[in-house]
Amino acid sequence: MKIDFMKIKEIYGEDALIACNENIDELVKNINYLISLGFDDYEDIIERYALAFVEDHEIVKEKIDDLINRLGPDYLEILAEDMGYWEELM
């Protein structure tokens, strides 16, 4: 995993960086879940929407699963074309 934490700091500020650090275990679990679902661009997703992924893994997993169910079997393509859907997790 090569997450650019300085990019997260630039986008969201120092507090976001602290939140990532304090919740690194949950962040790693959530990243691994994205990878298991087939997201090749997980680094970009995390860097843009870091605060959505520092919550408890089970909560994030449920939100992601709900989003995927709503989007259907083409969720990877849909989310690649419109990353704005990730804002729903925040």
N, C-alpha and C. Protein backbone atom coordinates (compact mmCIF):
# COMPACT_ATOMS: atom_id res chain seq x y z
N MET A 1 0.84 -1.19 0.00
CA MET A 1 0.00 0.00 0.00
C MET A 1 0.88 1.25 0.00
N LYS A 2 0.56 2.14 -0.88
CA LYS A 2 1.33 3.37 -0.98
C LYS A 2 0.39 4.57 -0.91
N ILE A 3 -0.16 4.79 0.24
CA ILE A 3 -1.06 5.92 0.45
C ILE A 3 -0.22 7.17 0.69
N ASP A 4 -0.55 8.24 0.00
CA ASP A 4 0.15 9.51 0.15
C ASP A 4 -0.52 10.32 1.27
N PHE A 5 -0.02 10.17 2.47
CA PHE A 5 -0.62 10.84 3.62
C PHE A 5 -0.42 12.36 3.57
N MET A 6 0.60 12.80 2.85
CA MET A 6 0.79 14.24 2.71
C MET A 6 -0.32 14.84 1.83
N LYS A 7 -0.79 14.06 0.86
CA LYS A 7 -1.91 14.50 0.03
C LYS A 7 -3.17 14.62 0.88
N ILE A 8 -3.37 13.66 1.78
CA ILE A 8 -4.52 13.71 2.70
C ILE A 8 -4.42 14.96 3.56
N LYS A 9 -3.23 15.25 4.04
CA LYS A 9 -3.03 16.45 4.85
C LYS A 9 -3.33 17.72 4.05
N GLU A 10 -2.90 17.75 2.78
CA GLU A 10 -3.16 18.91 1.93
C GLU A 10 -4.65 19.11 1.70
N ILE A 11 -5.38 18.02 1.52
CA ILE A 11 -6.82 18.11 1.22
C ILE A 11 -7.62 18.42 2.47
N TYR A 12 -7.35 17.70 3.56
CA TYR A 12 -8.20 17.78 4.75
C TYR A 12 -7.56 18.45 5.96
N GLY A 13 -6.26 18.63 5.94
CA GLY A 13 -5.58 19.27 7.05
C GLY A 13 -4.97 18.29 8.04
N GLU A 14 -4.31 18.86 9.00
CA GLU A 14 -3.57 18.09 10.02
C GLU A 14 -4.49 17.16 10.81
N ASP A 15 -5.71 17.59 11.11
CA ASP A 15 -6.63 16.77 11.89
C ASP A 15 -6.95 15.45 11.20
N ALA A 16 -7.06 15.48 9.88
CA ALA A 16 -7.32 14.25 9.13
C ALA A 16 -6.13 13.30 9.22
N LEU A 17 -4.96 13.86 9.16
CA LEU A 17 -3.75 13.05 9.28
C LEU A 17 -3.69 12.38 10.66
N ILE A 18 -4.04 13.13 11.68
CA ILE A 18 -4.09 12.59 13.04
C ILE A 18 -5.14 11.49 13.14
N ALA A 19 -6.32 11.72 12.54
CA ALA A 19 -7.38 10.71 12.56
C ALA A 19 -6.93 9.42 11.88
N CYS A 20 -6.22 9.56 10.77
CA CYS A 20 -5.70 8.37 10.08
C CYS A 20 -4.71 7.63 10.96
N ASN A 21 -3.84 8.36 11.60
CA ASN A 21 -2.83 7.75 12.47
C ASN A 21 -3.48 7.05 13.67
N GLU A 22 -4.45 7.71 14.28
CA GLU A 22 -5.11 7.14 15.47
C GLU A 22 -5.97 5.93 15.12
N ASN A 23 -6.42 5.84 13.89
CA ASN A 23 -7.31 4.76 13.47
C ASN A 23 -6.69 3.91 12.37
N ILE A 24 -5.37 3.78 12.40
CA ILE A 24 -4.65 3.10 11.33
C ILE A 24 -5.10 1.65 11.16
N ASP A 25 -5.45 0.96 12.25
CA ASP A 25 -5.90 -0.43 12.13
C ASP A 25 -7.20 -0.52 11.33
N GLU A 26 -8.14 0.38 11.61
CA GLU A 26 -9.41 0.39 10.88
C GLU A 26 -9.17 0.79 9.43
N LEU A 27 -8.30 1.75 9.22
CA LEU A 27 -7.98 2.20 7.87
C LEU A 27 -7.42 1.05 7.04
N VAL A 28 -6.50 0.29 7.62
CA VAL A 28 -5.90 -0.85 6.91
C VAL A 28 -6.96 -1.90 6.60
N LYS A 29 -7.84 -2.20 7.55
CA LYS A 29 -8.91 -3.17 7.30
C LYS A 29 -9.80 -2.70 6.15
N ASN A 30 -10.12 -1.42 6.14
CA ASN A 30 -10.99 -0.88 5.10
C ASN A 30 -10.30 -0.86 3.74
N ILE A 31 -9.01 -0.58 3.73
CA ILE A 31 -8.25 -0.64 2.47
C ILE A 31 -8.24 -2.07 1.95
N ASN A 32 -7.98 -3.01 2.83
CA ASN A 32 -7.96 -4.42 2.41
C ASN A 32 -9.31 -4.86 1.87
N TYR A 33 -10.38 -4.31 2.44
CA TYR A 33 -11.72 -4.64 1.94
C TYR A 33 -11.91 -4.10 0.53
N LEU A 34 -11.45 -2.87 0.28
CA LEU A 34 -11.54 -2.31 -1.07
C LEU A 34 -10.76 -3.18 -2.06
N ILE A 35 -9.59 -3.60 -1.66
CA ILE A 35 -8.76 -4.46 -2.52
C ILE A 35 -9.50 -5.77 -2.81
N SER A 36 -10.11 -6.35 -1.78
CA SER A 36 -10.82 -7.63 -1.96
C SER A 36 -12.01 -7.50 -2.90
N LEU A 37 -12.56 -6.29 -3.01
CA LEU A 37 -13.70 -6.05 -3.90
C LEU A 37 -13.26 -5.75 -5.33
N GLY A 38 -11.95 -5.62 -5.55
CA GLY A 38 -11.44 -5.43 -6.90
C GLY A 38 -11.09 -3.99 -7.26
N PHE A 39 -11.00 -3.11 -6.28
CA PHE A 39 -10.66 -1.71 -6.56
C PHE A 39 -9.16 -1.57 -6.74
N ASP A 40 -8.74 -1.34 -7.98
CA ASP A 40 -7.32 -1.13 -8.27
C ASP A 40 -6.86 0.27 -7.88
N ASP A 41 -7.79 1.19 -7.82
CA ASP A 41 -7.48 2.59 -7.54
C ASP A 41 -7.72 2.95 -6.06
N TYR A 42 -7.56 1.98 -5.19
CA TYR A 42 -7.86 2.19 -3.77
C TYR A 42 -7.03 3.32 -3.17
N GLU A 43 -5.79 3.51 -3.66
CA GLU A 43 -4.95 4.60 -3.12
C GLU A 43 -5.61 5.95 -3.35
N ASP A 44 -6.08 6.17 -4.57
CA ASP A 44 -6.73 7.43 -4.91
C ASP A 44 -8.02 7.61 -4.11
N ILE A 45 -8.77 6.53 -3.96
CA ILE A 45 -10.02 6.58 -3.19
C ILE A 45 -9.72 7.00 -1.75
N ILE A 46 -8.74 6.36 -1.13
CA ILE A 46 -8.39 6.66 0.25
C ILE A 46 -7.87 8.09 0.39
N GLU A 47 -7.02 8.50 -0.53
CA GLU A 47 -6.45 9.85 -0.45
C GLU A 47 -7.52 10.92 -0.60
N ARG A 48 -8.52 10.68 -1.43
CA ARG A 48 -9.59 11.66 -1.63
C ARG A 48 -10.65 11.63 -0.54
N TYR A 49 -10.90 10.45 0.01
CA TYR A 49 -12.01 10.29 0.97
C TYR A 49 -11.54 9.62 2.26
N ALA A 50 -10.37 10.00 2.72
CA ALA A 50 -9.74 9.36 3.88
C ALA A 50 -10.65 9.29 5.10
N LEU A 51 -11.36 10.36 5.37
CA LEU A 51 -12.18 10.40 6.59
C LEU A 51 -13.33 9.40 6.55
N ALA A 52 -13.71 8.95 5.38
CA ALA A 52 -14.77 7.94 5.27
C ALA A 52 -14.25 6.56 5.67
N PHE A 53 -12.94 6.38 5.70
CA PHE A 53 -12.37 5.06 5.92
C PHE A 53 -11.66 4.90 7.25
N VAL A 54 -11.77 5.88 8.13
CA VAL A 54 -11.14 5.76 9.45
C VAL A 54 -12.14 5.30 10.51
N GLU A 55 -13.38 5.11 10.10
CA GLU A 55 -14.40 4.60 11.01
C GLU A 55 -14.20 3.10 11.23
N ASP A 56 -14.96 2.56 12.16
CA ASP A 56 -14.96 1.13 12.44
C ASP A 56 -15.19 0.34 11.14
N HIS A 57 -14.42 -0.71 10.96
CA HIS A 57 -14.47 -1.49 9.73
C HIS A 57 -15.87 -2.00 9.42
N GLU A 58 -16.58 -2.50 10.40
CA GLU A 58 -17.91 -3.05 10.16
C GLU A 58 -18.88 -1.99 9.65
N ILE A 59 -18.76 -0.78 10.16
CA ILE A 59 -19.62 0.32 9.72
C ILE A 59 -19.29 0.69 8.27
N VAL A 60 -18.01 0.81 7.98
CA VAL A 60 -17.58 1.16 6.61
C VAL A 60 -17.97 0.06 5.64
N LYS A 61 -17.76 -1.18 6.04
CA LYS A 61 -18.11 -2.33 5.19
C LYS A 61 -19.59 -2.30 4.86
N GLU A 62 -20.42 -2.03 5.84
CA GLU A 62 -21.87 -1.97 5.61
C GLU A 62 -22.22 -0.84 4.63
N LYS A 63 -21.59 0.31 4.79
CA LYS A 63 -21.85 1.43 3.88
C LYS A 63 -21.41 1.10 2.45
N ILE A 64 -20.24 0.47 2.32
CA ILE A 64 -19.75 0.09 1.00
C ILE A 64 -20.67 -0.95 0.37
N ASP A 65 -21.06 -1.94 1.15
CA ASP A 65 -21.95 -2.99 0.64
C ASP A 65 -23.28 -2.40 0.19
N ASP A 66 -23.82 -1.46 0.95
CA ASP A 66 -25.08 -0.80 0.56
C ASP A 66 -24.90 -0.05 -0.76
N LEU A 67 -23.79 0.66 -0.90
CA LEU A 67 -23.51 1.40 -2.12
C LEU A 67 -23.39 0.45 -3.31
N ILE A 68 -22.67 -0.63 -3.13
CA ILE A 68 -22.49 -1.62 -4.20
C ILE A 68 -23.83 -2.24 -4.59
N ASN A 69 -24.63 -2.58 -3.61
CA ASN A 69 -25.95 -3.16 -3.90
C ASN A 69 -26.81 -2.20 -4.70
N ARG A 70 -26.73 -0.93 -4.38
CA ARG A 70 -27.49 0.08 -5.09
C ARG A 70 -27.01 0.26 -6.53
N LEU A 71 -25.69 0.19 -6.73
CA LEU A 71 -25.12 0.41 -8.05
C LEU A 71 -25.20 -0.81 -8.96
N GLY A 72 -25.24 -1.98 -8.37
CA GLY A 72 -25.35 -3.21 -9.16
C GLY A 72 -24.01 -3.80 -9.56
N PRO A 73 -24.06 -4.80 -10.43
CA PRO A 73 -22.85 -5.56 -10.77
C PRO A 73 -21.76 -4.76 -11.47
N ASP A 74 -22.09 -3.63 -12.04
CA ASP A 74 -21.10 -2.79 -12.71
C ASP A 74 -20.52 -1.73 -11.79
N TYR A 75 -20.58 -1.97 -10.49
CA TYR A 75 -20.15 -0.97 -9.51
C TYR A 75 -18.71 -0.49 -9.71
N LEU A 76 -17.81 -1.37 -10.12
CA LEU A 76 -16.41 -0.96 -10.31
C LEU A 76 -16.30 0.10 -11.41
N GLU A 77 -16.98 -0.12 -12.50
CA GLU A 77 -16.94 0.84 -13.61
C GLU A 77 -17.64 2.14 -13.23
N ILE A 78 -18.78 2.02 -12.57
CA ILE A 78 -19.55 3.21 -12.18
C ILE A 78 -18.73 4.07 -11.23
N LEU A 79 -18.12 3.45 -10.23
CA LEU A 79 -17.34 4.21 -9.25
C LEU A 79 -16.05 4.76 -9.84
N ALA A 80 -15.51 4.08 -10.85
CA ALA A 80 -14.31 4.60 -11.51
C ALA A 80 -14.65 5.85 -12.32
N GLU A 81 -15.83 5.88 -12.91
CA GLU A 81 -16.26 7.02 -13.71
C GLU A 81 -16.73 8.19 -12.87
N ASP A 82 -17.33 7.90 -11.71
CA ASP A 82 -17.87 8.97 -10.87
C ASP A 82 -17.50 8.69 -9.41
N MET A 83 -16.37 9.21 -9.00
CA MET A 83 -15.90 8.97 -7.63
C MET A 83 -16.73 9.72 -6.61
N GLY A 84 -17.60 10.58 -7.05
CA GLY A 84 -18.46 11.33 -6.14
C GLY A 84 -19.33 10.45 -5.27
N TYR A 85 -19.60 9.23 -5.72
CA TYR A 85 -20.39 8.30 -4.90
C TYR A 85 -19.74 8.03 -3.55
N TRP A 86 -18.40 8.11 -3.51
CA TRP A 86 -17.69 7.84 -2.25
C TRP A 86 -18.03 8.87 -1.17
N GLU A 87 -18.48 10.05 -1.58
CA GLU A 87 -18.85 11.07 -0.62
C GLU A 87 -20.00 10.62 0.27
N GLU A 88 -20.81 9.69 -0.23
CA GLU A 88 -21.92 9.16 0.55
C GLU A 88 -21.44 8.44 1.80
N LEU A 89 -20.21 7.99 1.81
CA LEU A 89 -19.67 7.27 2.96
C LEU A 89 -19.22 8.21 4.07
N MET A 90 -19.07 9.48 3.74
CA MET A 90 -18.54 10.43 4.73
C MET A 90 -19.64 10.94 5.64
